Amino acid sequence: MIQYERSDLAAPRKSEYYVAQTCTPDSLATVLRATLHVRGTVKKRRILYKAGQTRIHMDEVEGLGCFIELERDLKEKKPATFSRKICGKLLSRYERIDT
């Protein structure tokens, strides 16, 4: 299970995340459903690519559409502007087609 803390902006932003690994995901889901109120269910398919230190998430979310997200780990001791520059270079290699 992964929990993200980040602002809901369509722009580069910092996020904190926490990962809890489990060997029994069905049991974890049962406990979470019993403990917390389920507000909704998100069904998505993710394809993950790596380009150097950049993780490229390509998601297809049921009922919402397709999304792409570029993610870089800021623990590499470089300023955030460096990561923005790298991601900008990756995006500039592709042509945007609006449909």
Protein backbone atom coordinates (compact mmCIF):
# COMPACT_ATOMS: atom_id res chain seq x y z
CA MET A 1 0.00 0.00 0.00
CA ILE A 2 1.28 3.47 -0.86
CA GLN A 3 0.06 6.68 0.77
CA TYR A 4 0.88 9.99 -0.95
CA GLU A 5 0.88 13.49 0.50
CA ARG A 6 0.97 16.11 -2.25
CA SER A 7 -0.96 19.09 -3.51
CA ASP A 8 -3.57 18.53 -6.21
CA LEU A 9 -2.02 20.71 -8.92
CA ALA A 10 -1.40 20.09 -12.59
CA ALA A 11 2.19 21.30 -12.21
CA PRO A 12 5.49 20.01 -10.86
CA ARG A 13 5.18 19.48 -7.14
CA LYS A 14 6.87 17.78 -4.25
CA SER A 15 5.26 14.69 -2.77
CA GLU A 16 5.97 12.60 0.28
CA TYR A 17 5.01 8.96 0.23
CA TYR A 18 4.99 6.02 2.57
CA VAL A 19 5.07 2.37 1.54
CA ALA A 20 3.75 -0.56 3.57
CA GLN A 21 4.58 -3.95 2.11
CA THR A 22 2.46 -6.98 2.89
CA CYS A 23 2.46 -10.65 1.99
CA THR A 24 -1.31 -10.77 2.61
CA PRO A 25 -2.92 -7.95 0.57
CA ASP A 26 -6.43 -9.43 0.87
CA SER A 27 -6.17 -9.40 4.67
CA LEU A 28 -4.89 -5.83 4.64
CA ALA A 29 -7.80 -4.77 2.41
CA THR A 30 -10.29 -6.43 4.78
CA VAL A 31 -8.84 -4.62 7.81
CA LEU A 32 -8.79 -1.27 6.00
CA ARG A 33 -12.42 -1.66 4.84
CA ALA A 34 -13.50 -2.58 8.38
CA THR A 35 -11.55 0.30 9.95
CA LEU A 36 -12.05 3.13 7.46
CA HIS A 37 -15.04 4.27 5.47
CA VAL A 38 -14.69 3.46 1.77
CA ARG A 39 -15.43 6.65 -0.19
CA GLY A 40 -14.90 5.13 -3.62
CA THR A 41 -12.93 2.71 -5.69
CA VAL A 42 -10.37 3.63 -8.32
CA LYS A 43 -9.64 1.03 -10.97
CA LYS A 44 -6.57 1.67 -13.02
CA ARG A 45 -3.96 -0.03 -15.10
CA ARG A 46 -0.40 1.29 -14.81
CA ILE A 47 2.56 0.75 -17.09
CA LEU A 48 5.83 1.89 -15.53
CA TYR A 49 8.94 2.87 -17.47
CA LYS A 50 12.30 4.20 -16.29
CA ALA A 51 14.48 6.70 -18.12
CA GLY A 52 17.61 7.09 -16.00
CA GLN A 53 16.42 8.31 -12.58
CA THR A 54 12.98 9.27 -13.92
CA ARG A 55 10.00 6.97 -13.44
CA ILE A 56 7.32 7.34 -16.10
CA HIS A 57 3.85 6.27 -14.99
CA MET A 58 1.33 5.67 -17.78
CA ASP A 59 -2.10 5.15 -16.24
CA GLU A 60 -5.49 4.24 -17.67
CA VAL A 61 -8.13 5.08 -15.05
CA GLU A 62 -11.58 3.60 -15.48
CA GLY A 63 -14.11 6.37 -16.11
CA LEU A 64 -11.49 9.15 -16.13
CA GLY A 65 -9.13 8.47 -19.03
CA CYS A 66 -5.39 8.17 -19.57
CA PHE A 67 -2.68 10.02 -17.68
CA ILE A 68 1.10 10.27 -17.67
CA GLU A 69 3.25 11.30 -14.73
CA LEU A 70 6.99 11.83 -14.51
CA GLU A 71 8.52 11.21 -11.09
CA ARG A 72 12.05 11.88 -9.87
CA ASP A 73 13.55 11.15 -6.48
CA LEU A 74 14.83 14.37 -4.90
CA LYS A 75 17.05 12.39 -2.52
CA GLU A 76 19.77 12.53 -5.17
CA LYS A 77 21.17 15.74 -3.56
CA LYS A 78 20.33 17.95 -6.55
CA PRO A 79 17.96 20.92 -6.52
CA ALA A 80 14.34 20.50 -7.65
CA THR A 81 15.10 22.75 -10.64
CA PHE A 82 17.44 20.03 -11.95
CA SER A 83 14.61 17.48 -11.88
CA ARG A 84 12.24 19.91 -13.62
CA LYS A 85 14.86 20.46 -16.34
CA ILE A 86 15.32 16.70 -16.90
CA CYS A 87 11.55 16.10 -17.05
CA GLY A 88 11.14 19.04 -19.42
CA LYS A 89 13.76 17.54 -21.75
CA LEU A 90 11.96 14.18 -21.72
CA LEU A 91 8.62 15.79 -22.54
CA SER A 92 10.13 17.95 -25.30
CA ARG A 93 11.04 14.79 -27.23
CA TYR A 94 7.37 14.05 -27.83
CA GLU A 95 4.78 15.82 -29.90
CA ARG A 96 1.48 16.66 -28.20
CA ILE A 97 -1.61 15.62 -30.12
CA ASP A 98 -4.93 16.94 -28.81
CA THR A 99 -7.89 14.75 -29.71
